[in-house]
Amino acid sequence: MNSQAVIDEKWMREALKLAKQAGLQGEVPVGALLVSPSGQVLAKARNVRETLTTPLGHAELLSIHRAAKKMQSWRLEDCTLYVTLEPCLMCAGAIQQARIGRVVYGATDVKAGAVESLYQVLNDGRLNHQAQITKGVLADECSKILTDFFQSRRDEMKKEKSGKNYRHRSSVVVVHKNKILGFHAIDPVGGAKYFFIPGGKIENNESAVLASERECLEETGYKIRVLPETEFRRKYDFPWNGKINACDTVFYLGVLDEKWHEPTIVEDADYHRGVEWLDIKNVDKIFGYNKDILWAVQKLIKTARKRQL
């Protein structure tokens, strides 16, 4: 191993220490430090995006900012940035703006990396500055700390879900001529406005299919037929009536079991504000209030399109 490789590993281990500190605080474990040409640490930082509730809380940005303040110059030419994860587009832009001479990183970020993975910002000849890149320094260790962190988060979420008292529900996505059936509703306590697909509690001795068909008739006035083979389940939290409700919902695709007609007035719960068919091209906006419900609707709309319903 040559002398430069030894030096790079030395500083990357320091960056890993910072990454571990970030992970212990619930942050994505990324650490960074800037080193001067003489081997002096100008600044070091770890991710603090959650702690400071800012998208600018990346380790690279903070270390660049601190180093510039220390040097009393925005130009950090001939300095080396060590970071445990390939910089994103935002951080790569800051590196370019700071005229940093060299970037050394550990783990590759195939989903957001802007040094070599998705973009090559620091080697783009159209820009007025390019940086020397060294990748893969202590890559396995840098990757492992990230993998362990996200696995731990997933385990925590599973444990949290397993301890909840879920409401067992069924919901149905009914599509007709590029429109989706549902009804407008207002939260009795919070006053938030929603557009719901038909659905509700699965009663005792009632199947999820029958519950979906019953709820659709009660809430929209339309008789439908559920396609049982489209079934899938989703667990999620939903704020309603002044509390957070843990929902275990079976979703289905449904089709009209009667001739189409304009919506009629439905006498249902007090929060019910009218039935409507809305254009499916607007589902992202309509169901943006809950990512799990939106995902379910999008999935079943794709199924409907494949079946040319």
C-alpha atoms as a PDB file:
ATOM      1  CA  MET A   1       0.000   0.000   0.000  1.00  0.00           C
ATOM      2  CA  ASN A   2       1.459   3.374  -0.996  1.00  0.00           C
ATOM      3  CA  SER A   3       1.760   6.321   1.366  1.00  0.00           C
ATOM      4  CA  GLN A   4      -1.267   8.148  -0.071  1.00  0.00           C
ATOM      5  CA  ALA A   5      -3.475   5.083   0.407  1.00  0.00           C
ATOM      6  CA  VAL A   6      -2.335   4.840   4.023  1.00  0.00           C
ATOM      7  CA  ILE A   7      -3.173   8.510   4.588  1.00  0.00           C
ATOM      8  CA  ASP A   8      -6.579   8.088   2.929  1.00  0.00           C
ATOM      9  CA  GLU A   9      -7.476   5.158   5.181  1.00  0.00           C
ATOM     10  CA  LYS A  10      -6.361   7.100   8.245  1.00  0.00           C
ATOM     11  CA  TRP A  11      -8.707  10.011   7.511  1.00  0.00           C
ATOM     12  CA  MET A  12     -11.561   7.765   6.379  1.00  0.00           C
ATOM     13  CA  ARG A  13     -11.453   6.041   9.768  1.00  0.00           C
ATOM     14  CA  GLU A  14     -11.886   9.452  11.358  1.00  0.00           C
ATOM     15  CA  ALA A  15     -14.866  10.071   9.081  1.00  0.00           C
ATOM     16  CA  LEU A  16     -16.296   6.690  10.117  1.00  0.00           C
ATOM     17  CA  LYS A  17     -16.140   7.731  13.766  1.00  0.00           C
ATOM     18  CA  LEU A  18     -18.254  10.761  12.906  1.00  0.00           C
ATOM     19  CA  ALA A  19     -20.678   8.565  10.944  1.00  0.00           C
ATOM     20  CA  LYS A  20     -21.121   6.261  13.934  1.00  0.00           C
ATOM     21  CA  GLN A  21     -21.886   9.250  16.158  1.00  0.00           C
ATOM     22  CA  ALA A  22     -24.558  10.340  13.675  1.00  0.00           C
ATOM     23  CA  GLY A  23     -26.129   6.878  13.705  1.00  0.00           C
ATOM     24  CA  LEU A  24     -26.305   6.859  17.505  1.00  0.00           C
ATOM     25  CA  GLN A  25     -28.301  10.089  17.312  1.00  0.00           C
ATOM     26  CA  GLY A  26     -30.781   8.635  14.841  1.00  0.00           C
ATOM     27  CA  GLU A  27     -29.227  10.304  11.805  1.00  0.00           C
ATOM     28  CA  VAL A  28     -28.222   8.510   8.607  1.00  0.00           C
ATOM     29  CA  PRO A  29     -24.627   7.574   9.513  1.00  0.00           C
ATOM     30  CA  VAL A  30     -22.455   9.734   7.278  1.00  0.00           C
ATOM     31  CA  GLY A  31     -19.326  11.565   8.391  1.00  0.00           C
ATOM     32  CA  ALA A  32     -17.024  13.992   6.584  1.00  0.00           C
ATOM     33  CA  LEU A  33     -13.895  16.011   7.177  1.00  0.00           C
ATOM     34  CA  LEU A  34     -11.769  18.464   5.225  1.00  0.00           C
ATOM     35  CA  VAL A  35      -7.987  18.236   5.309  1.00  0.00           C
ATOM     36  CA  SER A  36      -5.561  20.948   4.197  1.00  0.00           C
ATOM     37  CA  PRO A  37      -2.592  20.263   1.877  1.00  0.00           C
ATOM     38  CA  SER A  38      -0.343  20.250   4.957  1.00  0.00           C
ATOM     39  CA  GLY A  39      -2.412  17.514   6.623  1.00  0.00           C
ATOM     40  CA  GLN A  40      -4.337  19.729   9.039  1.00  0.00           C
ATOM     41  CA  VAL A  41      -7.997  18.972   9.749  1.00  0.00           C
ATOM     42  CA  LEU A  42      -9.827  22.160   8.846  1.00  0.00           C
ATOM     43  CA  ALA A  43     -13.314  20.959   9.758  1.00  0.00           C
ATOM     44  CA  LYS A  44     -15.316  17.837  10.445  1.00  0.00           C
ATOM     45  CA  ALA A  45     -19.034  17.102  10.639  1.00  0.00           C
ATOM     46  CA  ARG A  46     -21.681  14.400  10.695  1.00  0.00           C
ATOM     47  CA  ASN A  47     -25.215  14.295   9.347  1.00  0.00           C
ATOM     48  CA  VAL A  48     -27.630  16.421  11.415  1.00  0.00           C
ATOM     49  CA  ARG A  49     -30.589  16.682   9.037  1.00  0.00           C
ATOM     50  CA  GLU A  50     -33.081  15.238  11.547  1.00  0.00           C
ATOM     51  CA  THR A  51     -31.550  17.001  14.543  1.00  0.00           C
ATOM     52  CA  LEU A  52     -31.665  20.441  12.931  1.00  0.00           C
ATOM     53  CA  THR A  53     -34.701  19.653  10.741  1.00  0.00           C
ATOM     54  CA  THR A  54     -33.049  21.034   7.627  1.00  0.00           C
ATOM     55  CA  PRO A  55     -32.272  19.486   4.228  1.00  0.00           C
ATOM     56  CA  LEU A  56     -28.918  21.281   4.424  1.00  0.00           C
ATOM     57  CA  GLY A  57     -27.760  19.149   7.349  1.00  0.00           C
ATOM     58  CA  HIS A  58     -25.437  16.916   5.308  1.00  0.00           C
ATOM     59  CA  ALA A  59     -21.977  16.199   6.669  1.00  0.00           C
ATOM     60  CA  GLU A  60     -20.228  17.490   3.542  1.00  0.00           C
ATOM     61  CA  LEU A  61     -22.034  20.840   3.546  1.00  0.00           C
ATOM     62  CA  LEU A  62     -21.327  21.451   7.198  1.00  0.00           C
ATOM     63  CA  SER A  63     -17.652  20.591   6.933  1.00  0.00           C
ATOM     64  CA  ILE A  64     -17.268  22.837   3.874  1.00  0.00           C
ATOM     65  CA  HIS A  65     -19.025  25.706   5.643  1.00  0.00           C
ATOM     66  CA  ARG A  66     -16.887  25.365   8.767  1.00  0.00           C
ATOM     67  CA  ALA A  67     -13.655  25.083   6.820  1.00  0.00           C
ATOM     68  CA  ALA A  68     -14.477  28.190   4.779  1.00  0.00           C
ATOM     69  CA  LYS A  69     -15.158  30.138   7.981  1.00  0.00           C
ATOM     70  CA  LYS A  70     -11.875  28.957   9.466  1.00  0.00           C
ATOM     71  CA  MET A  71      -9.903  29.834   6.334  1.00  0.00           C
ATOM     72  CA  GLN A  72     -11.898  33.054   5.852  1.00  0.00           C
ATOM     73  CA  SER A  73     -12.275  32.136   2.211  1.00  0.00           C
ATOM     74  CA  TRP A  74     -14.886  30.295   0.171  1.00  0.00           C
ATOM     75  CA  ARG A  75     -12.108  28.841  -1.955  1.00  0.00           C
ATOM     76  CA  LEU A  76     -10.788  25.565  -0.568  1.00  0.00           C
ATOM     77  CA  GLU A  77      -8.414  24.742  -3.394  1.00  0.00           C
ATOM     78  CA  ASP A  78      -5.922  21.912  -2.861  1.00  0.00           C
ATOM     79  CA  CYS A  79      -7.915  20.643   0.148  1.00  0.00           C
ATOM     80  CA  THR A  80      -9.207  17.071   0.367  1.00  0.00           C
ATOM     81  CA  LEU A  81     -12.716  16.137   1.452  1.00  0.00           C
ATOM     82  CA  TYR A  82     -13.112  12.709   3.058  1.00  0.00           C
ATOM     83  CA  VAL A  83     -16.669  11.394   3.308  1.00  0.00           C
ATOM     84  CA  THR A  84     -18.027   7.933   4.081  1.00  0.00           C
ATOM     85  CA  LEU A  85     -20.741   8.030   1.380  1.00  0.00           C
ATOM     86  CA  GLU A  86     -20.639   9.273  -2.204  1.00  0.00           C
ATOM     87  CA  PRO A  87     -21.918  12.889  -2.152  1.00  0.00           C
ATOM     88  CA  CYS A  88     -25.387  13.680  -3.441  1.00  0.00           C
ATOM     89  CA  LEU A  89     -26.211  16.289  -6.071  1.00  0.00           C
ATOM     90  CA  MET A  90     -26.515  19.077  -3.512  1.00  0.00           C
ATOM     91  CA  CYS A  91     -23.189  18.290  -1.864  1.00  0.00           C
ATOM     92  CA  ALA A  92     -21.393  17.730  -5.167  1.00  0.00           C
ATOM     93  CA  GLY A  93     -22.530  21.201  -6.204  1.00  0.00           C
ATOM     94  CA  ALA A  94     -21.122  22.684  -3.009  1.00  0.00           C
ATOM     95  CA  ILE A  95     -17.827  20.842  -3.532  1.00  0.00           C
ATOM     96  CA  GLN A  96     -17.595  22.276  -7.028  1.00  0.00           C
ATOM     97  CA  GLN A  97     -18.422  25.772  -5.815  1.00  0.00           C
ATOM     98  CA  ALA A  98     -15.778  25.562  -3.075  1.00  0.00           C
ATOM     99  CA  ARG A  99     -13.162  24.514  -5.667  1.00  0.00           C
ATOM    100  CA  ILE A 100     -12.119  21.543  -3.508  1.00  0.00           C
ATOM    101  CA  GLY A 101      -9.205  19.802  -5.177  1.00  0.00           C
ATOM    102  CA  ARG A 102      -9.789  16.189  -4.201  1.00  0.00           C
ATOM    103  CA  VAL A 103     -12.684  14.064  -2.934  1.00  0.00           C
ATOM    104  CA  VAL A 104     -12.235  10.682  -1.263  1.00  0.00           C
ATOM    105  CA  TYR A 105     -15.317   8.644  -0.434  1.00  0.00           C
ATOM    106  CA  GLY A 106     -16.088   5.182   0.880  1.00  0.00           C
ATOM    107  CA  ALA A 107     -19.453   3.679  -0.044  1.00  0.00           C
ATOM    108  CA  THR A 108     -21.073   4.187  -3.427  1.00  0.00           C
ATOM    109  CA  ASP A 109     -24.596   5.617  -3.441  1.00  0.00           C
ATOM    110  CA  VAL A 110     -26.317   4.035  -6.432  1.00  0.00           C
ATOM    111  CA  LYS A 111     -29.612   5.829  -5.708  1.00  0.00           C
ATOM    112  CA  ALA A 112     -28.389   9.397  -5.204  1.00  0.00           C
ATOM    113  CA  GLY A 113     -24.646   9.598  -5.848  1.00  0.00           C
ATOM    114  CA  ALA A 114     -23.654  12.597  -7.955  1.00  0.00           C
ATOM    115  CA  VAL A 115     -19.900  11.993  -8.222  1.00  0.00           C
ATOM    116  CA  GLU A 116     -19.954   8.908 -10.405  1.00  0.00           C
ATOM    117  CA  SER A 117     -23.152   6.873  -9.873  1.00  0.00           C
ATOM    118  CA  LEU A 118     -26.022   8.997 -11.241  1.00  0.00           C
ATOM    119  CA  TYR A 119     -24.151  12.145 -12.225  1.00  0.00           C
ATOM    120  CA  GLN A 120     -20.508  13.099 -12.691  1.00  0.00           C
ATOM    121  CA  VAL A 121     -20.705  16.665 -11.424  1.00  0.00           C
ATOM    122  CA  LEU A 122     -17.081  16.866 -10.309  1.00  0.00           C
ATOM    123  CA  ASN A 123     -15.706  15.689 -13.645  1.00  0.00           C
ATOM    124  CA  ASP A 124     -18.033  17.674 -15.898  1.00  0.00           C
ATOM    125  CA  GLY A 125     -15.869  19.613 -18.335  1.00  0.00           C
ATOM    126  CA  ARG A 126     -18.659  22.146 -18.913  1.00  0.00           C
ATOM    127  CA  LEU A 127     -18.147  23.455 -15.385  1.00  0.00           C
ATOM    128  CA  ASN A 128     -15.293  25.737 -14.377  1.00  0.00           C
ATOM    129  CA  HIS A 129     -13.810  23.323 -11.840  1.00  0.00           C
ATOM    130  CA  GLN A 130     -13.117  19.603 -11.707  1.00  0.00           C
ATOM    131  CA  ALA A 131     -11.912  17.573  -8.733  1.00  0.00           C
ATOM    132  CA  GLN A 132      -9.714  14.519  -8.430  1.00  0.00           C
ATOM    133  CA  ILE A 133     -11.756  11.515  -7.230  1.00  0.00           C
ATOM    134  CA  THR A 134     -10.714   8.511  -5.155  1.00  0.00           C
ATOM    135  CA  LYS A 135     -13.528   6.101  -4.407  1.00  0.00           C
ATOM    136  CA  GLY A 136     -13.943   2.897  -2.411  1.00  0.00           C
ATOM    137  CA  VAL A 137     -11.679   3.709   0.543  1.00  0.00           C
ATOM    138  CA  LEU A 138     -12.834   1.408   3.372  1.00  0.00           C
ATOM    139  CA  ALA A 139     -15.918   0.820   1.242  1.00  0.00           C
ATOM    140  CA  ASP A 140     -17.034  -2.320   3.083  1.00  0.00           C
ATOM    141  CA  GLU A 141     -16.939  -0.631   6.485  1.00  0.00           C
ATOM    142  CA  CYS A 142     -18.656   2.487   5.174  1.00  0.00           C
ATOM    143  CA  SER A 143     -21.383   0.380   3.526  1.00  0.00           C
ATOM    144  CA  LYS A 144     -21.902  -1.842   6.551  1.00  0.00           C
ATOM    145  CA  ILE A 145     -22.585   1.016   8.924  1.00  0.00           C
ATOM    146  CA  LEU A 146     -25.312   2.243   6.565  1.00  0.00           C
ATOM    147  CA  THR A 147     -26.773  -1.227   5.998  1.00  0.00           C
ATOM    148  CA  ASP A 148     -26.862  -1.942   9.741  1.00  0.00           C
ATOM    149  CA  PHE A 149     -28.513   1.410  10.431  1.00  0.00           C
ATOM    150  CA  PHE A 150     -31.340   0.941   7.946  1.00  0.00           C
ATOM    151  CA  GLN A 151     -31.880  -2.675   8.985  1.00  0.00           C
ATOM    152  CA  SER A 152     -32.168  -1.521  12.582  1.00  0.00           C
ATOM    153  CA  ARG A 153     -34.737   1.088  11.559  1.00  0.00           C
ATOM    154  CA  ARG A 154     -36.769  -1.554   9.705  1.00  0.00           C
ATOM    155  CA  ASP A 155     -36.629  -3.877  12.717  1.00  0.00           C
ATOM    156  CA  GLU A 156     -37.829  -1.076  14.994  1.00  0.00           C
ATOM    157  CA  MET A 157     -40.742  -0.317  12.684  1.00  0.00           C
ATOM    158  CA  LYS A 158     -41.743  -3.989  12.542  1.00  0.00           C
ATOM    159  CA  LYS A 159     -41.591  -4.224  16.334  1.00  0.00           C
ATOM    160  CA  GLU A 160     -43.675  -1.091  16.686  1.00  0.00           C
ATOM    161  CA  LYS A 161     -46.277  -2.389  14.243  1.00  0.00           C
ATOM    162  CA  SER A 162     -46.458  -5.791  15.924  1.00  0.00           C
ATOM    163  CA  GLY A 163     -47.422  -4.159  19.213  1.00  0.00           C
ATOM    164  CA  LYS A 164     -50.282  -2.092  17.801  1.00  0.00           C
ATOM    165  CA  ASN A 165     -53.977  -2.793  18.092  1.00  0.00           C
ATOM    166  CA  TYR A 166     -54.978  -2.746  14.442  1.00  0.00           C
ATOM    167  CA  ARG A 167     -58.405  -2.059  13.018  1.00  0.00           C
ATOM    168  CA  HIS A 168     -59.164  -4.710  10.408  1.00  0.00           C
ATOM    169  CA  ARG A 169     -60.624  -3.037   7.351  1.00  0.00           C
ATOM    170  CA  SER A 170     -61.252  -3.531   3.673  1.00  0.00           C
ATOM    171  CA  SER A 171     -61.233  -0.940   0.882  1.00  0.00           C
ATOM    172  CA  VAL A 172     -61.993  -1.115  -2.821  1.00  0.00           C
ATOM    173  CA  VAL A 173     -60.739   0.849  -5.809  1.00  0.00           C
ATOM    174  CA  VAL A 174     -63.525   1.104  -8.395  1.00  0.00           C
ATOM    175  CA  VAL A 175     -62.442   2.402 -11.802  1.00  0.00           C
ATOM    176  CA  HIS A 176     -64.751   3.280 -14.702  1.00  0.00           C
ATOM    177  CA  LYS A 177     -63.670   5.080 -17.882  1.00  0.00           C
ATOM    178  CA  ASN A 178     -60.513   6.550 -16.317  1.00  0.00           C
ATOM    179  CA  LYS A 179     -62.319   7.772 -13.237  1.00  0.00           C
ATOM    180  CA  ILE A 180     -62.154   6.511  -9.661  1.00  0.00           C
ATOM    181  CA  LEU A 181     -65.134   6.226  -7.342  1.00  0.00           C
ATOM    182  CA  GLY A 182     -65.129   7.698  -3.863  1.00  0.00           C
ATOM    183  CA  PHE A 183     -66.656  10.248  -1.543  1.00  0.00           C
ATOM    184  CA  HIS A 184     -65.626  13.500   0.092  1.00  0.00           C
ATOM    185  CA  ALA A 185     -65.294  13.572   3.876  1.00  0.00           C
ATOM    186  CA  ILE A 186     -64.350  15.977   6.661  1.00  0.00           C
ATOM    187  CA  ASP A 187     -62.631  14.900   9.865  1.00  0.00           C
ATOM    188  CA  PRO A 188     -65.150  15.596  12.693  1.00  0.00           C
ATOM    189  CA  VAL A 189     -62.407  16.855  15.030  1.00  0.00           C
ATOM    190  CA  GLY A 190     -59.560  18.202  12.937  1.00  0.00           C
ATOM    191  CA  GLY A 191     -61.630  19.490  10.041  1.00  0.00           C
ATOM    192  CA  ALA A 192     -59.226  18.057   7.447  1.00  0.00           C
ATOM    193  CA  LYS A 193     -60.786  17.347   4.054  1.00  0.00           C
ATOM    194  CA  TYR A 194     -60.340  13.976   2.358  1.00  0.00           C
ATOM    195  CA  PHE A 195     -61.489  11.996  -0.640  1.00  0.00           C
ATOM    196  CA  PHE A 196     -61.920   8.373   0.428  1.00  0.00           C
ATOM    197  CA  ILE A 197     -62.261   5.212  -1.600  1.00  0.00           C
ATOM    198  CA  PRO A 198     -65.116   3.043  -0.269  1.00  0.00           C
ATOM    199  CA  GLY A 199     -64.176   0.908   2.728  1.00  0.00           C
ATOM    200  CA  GLY A 200     -64.579   0.257   6.408  1.00  0.00           C
ATOM    201  CA  LYS A 201     -64.554  -2.249   9.227  1.00  0.00           C
ATOM    202  CA  ILE A 202     -64.848  -5.955   8.468  1.00  0.00           C
ATOM    203  CA  GLU A 203     -67.719  -7.111  10.648  1.00  0.00           C
ATOM    204  CA  ASN A 204     -67.801 -10.414  12.530  1.00  0.00           C
ATOM    205  CA  ASN A 205     -68.444 -13.442  10.303  1.00  0.00           C
ATOM    206  CA  GLU A 206     -68.021 -11.228   7.233  1.00  0.00           C
ATOM    207  CA  SER A 207     -65.365 -11.706   4.562  1.00  0.00           C
ATOM    208  CA  ALA A 208     -63.212  -8.815   3.379  1.00  0.00           C
ATOM    209  CA  VAL A 209     -64.780  -9.140  -0.081  1.00  0.00           C
ATOM    210  CA  LEU A 210     -68.333  -8.845   1.261  1.00  0.00           C
ATOM    211  CA  ALA A 211     -67.293  -5.962   3.522  1.00  0.00           C
ATOM    212  CA  SER A 212     -65.920  -4.044   0.515  1.00  0.00           C
ATOM    213  CA  GLU A 213     -69.071  -4.598  -1.528  1.00  0.00           C
ATOM    214  CA  ARG A 214     -71.312  -3.656   1.411  1.00  0.00           C
ATOM    215  CA  GLU A 215     -69.317  -0.536   2.293  1.00  0.00           C
ATOM    216  CA  CYS A 216     -69.261   0.625  -1.312  1.00  0.00           C
ATOM    217  CA  LEU A 217     -73.056   0.377  -1.574  1.00  0.00           C
ATOM    218  CA  GLU A 218     -73.555   2.162   1.765  1.00  0.00           C
ATOM    219  CA  GLU A 219     -71.030   4.926   1.118  1.00  0.00           C
ATOM    220  CA  THR A 220     -71.508   5.571  -2.608  1.00  0.00           C
ATOM    221  CA  GLY A 221     -74.846   4.025  -3.619  1.00  0.00           C
ATOM    222  CA  TYR A 222     -73.193   1.874  -6.289  1.00  0.00           C
ATOM    223  CA  LYS A 223     -73.462  -1.889  -6.449  1.00  0.00           C
ATOM    224  CA  ILE A 224     -70.081  -3.371  -7.323  1.00  0.00           C
ATOM    225  CA  ARG A 225     -68.351  -6.691  -7.733  1.00  0.00           C
ATOM    226  CA  VAL A 226     -64.983  -7.176  -6.082  1.00  0.00           C
ATOM    227  CA  LEU A 227     -62.212  -9.023  -7.939  1.00  0.00           C
ATOM    228  CA  PRO A 228     -60.851 -11.242  -5.127  1.00  0.00           C
ATOM    229  CA  GLU A 229     -57.650 -12.160  -6.966  1.00  0.00           C
ATOM    230  CA  THR A 230     -56.458  -8.521  -6.737  1.00  0.00           C
ATOM    231  CA  GLU A 231     -56.286  -8.663  -2.927  1.00  0.00           C
ATOM    232  CA  PHE A 232     -53.303  -7.352  -0.970  1.00  0.00           C
ATOM    233  CA  ARG A 233     -52.835  -5.954   2.549  1.00  0.00           C
ATOM    234  CA  ARG A 234     -51.229  -2.838   3.919  1.00  0.00           C
ATOM    235  CA  LYS A 235     -50.626  -1.672   7.503  1.00  0.00           C
ATOM    236  CA  TYR A 236     -50.449   2.046   8.216  1.00  0.00           C
ATOM    237  CA  ASP A 237     -51.403   4.790  10.659  1.00  0.00           C
ATOM    238  CA  PHE A 238     -54.172   7.255   9.869  1.00  0.00           C
ATOM    239  CA  PRO A 239     -55.178  10.345  11.898  1.00  0.00           C
ATOM    240  CA  TRP A 240     -58.948  10.564  12.328  1.00  0.00           C
ATOM    241  CA  ASN A 241     -61.397  11.913  14.865  1.00  0.00           C
ATOM    242  CA  GLY A 242     -58.678  13.216  17.176  1.00  0.00           C
ATOM    243  CA  LYS A 243     -56.491  10.113  17.375  1.00  0.00           C
ATOM    244  CA  ILE A 244     -54.053   8.016  15.372  1.00  0.00           C
ATOM    245  CA  ASN A 245     -55.683   4.825  14.110  1.00  0.00           C
ATOM    246  CA  ALA A 246     -53.591   1.769  13.256  1.00  0.00           C
ATOM    247  CA  CYS A 247     -55.149   0.229  10.159  1.00  0.00           C
ATOM    248  CA  ASP A 248     -54.684  -3.261   8.734  1.00  0.00           C
ATOM    249  CA  THR A 249     -56.481  -2.905   5.413  1.00  0.00           C
ATOM    250  CA  VAL A 250     -57.230  -5.403   2.652  1.00  0.00           C
ATOM    251  CA  PHE A 251     -57.395  -3.613  -0.706  1.00  0.00           C
ATOM    252  CA  TYR A 252     -59.236  -4.824  -3.792  1.00  0.00           C
ATOM    253  CA  LEU A 253     -60.024  -3.749  -7.308  1.00  0.00           C
ATOM    254  CA  GLY A 254     -63.756  -3.610  -8.025  1.00  0.00           C
ATOM    255  CA  VAL A 255     -66.029  -3.141 -11.046  1.00  0.00           C
ATOM    256  CA  LEU A 256     -69.568  -1.834 -11.358  1.00  0.00           C
ATOM    257  CA  ASP A 257     -72.214  -4.543 -11.053  1.00  0.00           C
ATOM    258  CA  GLU A 258     -74.917  -2.300 -12.446  1.00  0.00           C
ATOM    259  CA  LYS A 259     -75.273   0.165 -15.313  1.00  0.00           C
ATOM    260  CA  TRP A 260     -73.311   3.361 -14.742  1.00  0.00           C
ATOM    261  CA  HIS A 261     -75.315   6.347 -13.525  1.00  0.00           C
ATOM    262  CA  GLU A 262     -74.621   9.735 -12.039  1.00  0.00           C
ATOM    263  CA  PRO A 263     -73.934   9.768  -8.272  1.00  0.00           C
ATOM    264  CA  THR A 264     -76.958  10.038  -6.030  1.00  0.00           C
ATOM    265  CA  ILE A 265     -77.332  11.590  -2.602  1.00  0.00           C
ATOM    266  CA  VAL A 266     -76.182   9.127   0.058  1.00  0.00           C
ATOM    267  CA  GLU A 267     -77.361   9.268   3.660  1.00  0.00           C
ATOM    268  CA  ASP A 268     -74.352   7.989   5.579  1.00  0.00           C
ATOM    269  CA  ALA A 269     -72.161   9.220   8.451  1.00  0.00           C
ATOM    270  CA  ASP A 270     -72.071  12.898   9.465  1.00  0.00           C
ATOM    271  CA  TYR A 271     -68.603  13.298   7.979  1.00  0.00           C
ATOM    272  CA  HIS A 272     -69.834  12.195   4.514  1.00  0.00           C
ATOM    273  CA  ARG A 273     -69.838  15.110   2.025  1.00  0.00           C
ATOM    274  CA  GLY A 274     -70.920  13.594  -1.267  1.00  0.00           C
ATOM    275  CA  VAL A 275     -70.036  10.956  -3.840  1.00  0.00           C
ATOM    276  CA  GLU A 276     -67.964  11.731  -6.915  1.00  0.00           C
ATOM    277  CA  TRP A 277     -66.004  10.124  -9.749  1.00  0.00           C
ATOM    278  CA  LEU A 278     -62.595  11.802 -10.041  1.00  0.00           C
ATOM    279  CA  ASP A 279     -60.067  11.608 -12.865  1.00  0.00           C
ATOM    280  CA  ILE A 280     -57.410   8.971 -12.146  1.00  0.00           C
ATOM    281  CA  LYS A 281     -54.696  11.214 -13.582  1.00  0.00           C
ATOM    282  CA  ASN A 282     -55.010  13.273 -10.395  1.00  0.00           C
ATOM    283  CA  VAL A 283     -54.591  10.412  -7.893  1.00  0.00           C
ATOM    284  CA  ASP A 284     -51.203  11.709  -6.687  1.00  0.00           C
ATOM    285  CA  LYS A 285     -52.867  14.902  -5.529  1.00  0.00           C
ATOM    286  CA  ILE A 286     -56.154  13.346  -4.414  1.00  0.00           C
ATOM    287  CA  PHE A 287     -54.608  10.687  -2.150  1.00  0.00           C
ATOM    288  CA  GLY A 288     -51.418  12.516  -1.229  1.00  0.00           C
ATOM    289  CA  TYR A 289     -52.623  12.719   2.355  1.00  0.00           C
ATOM    290  CA  ASN A 290     -51.374   9.150   3.012  1.00  0.00           C
ATOM    291  CA  LYS A 291     -48.523   7.427   1.168  1.00  0.00           C
ATOM    292  CA  ASP A 292     -49.834   3.905   1.865  1.00  0.00           C
ATOM    293  CA  ILE A 293     -53.317   4.602   0.542  1.00  0.00           C
ATOM    294  CA  LEU A 294     -51.821   6.389  -2.468  1.00  0.00           C
ATOM    295  CA  TRP A 295     -49.549   3.416  -3.154  1.00  0.00           C
ATOM    296  CA  ALA A 296     -52.526   1.015  -2.966  1.00  0.00           C
ATOM    297  CA  VAL A 297     -54.614   3.136  -5.315  1.00  0.00           C
ATOM    298  CA  GLN A 298     -51.761   3.457  -7.828  1.00  0.00           C
ATOM    299  CA  LYS A 299     -51.121  -0.298  -7.731  1.00  0.00           C
ATOM    300  CA  LEU A 300     -54.755  -1.191  -8.377  1.00  0.00           C
ATOM    301  CA  ILE A 301     -55.127   1.410 -11.119  1.00  0.00           C
ATOM    302  CA  LYS A 302     -52.194  -0.246 -12.913  1.00  0.00           C
ATOM    303  CA  THR A 303     -54.000  -3.568 -12.566  1.00  0.00           C
ATOM    304  CA  ALA A 304     -57.179  -2.039 -13.986  1.00  0.00           C
ATOM    305  CA  ARG A 305     -55.278  -0.689 -16.975  1.00  0.00           C
ATOM    306  CA  LYS A 306     -53.670  -4.061 -17.663  1.00  0.00           C
ATOM    307  CA  ARG A 307     -57.119  -5.619 -17.645  1.00  0.00           C
ATOM    308  CA  GLN A 308     -58.469  -2.757 -19.755  1.00  0.00           C
ATOM    309  CA  LEU A 309     -61.226  -2.042 -17.265  1.00  0.00           C
END
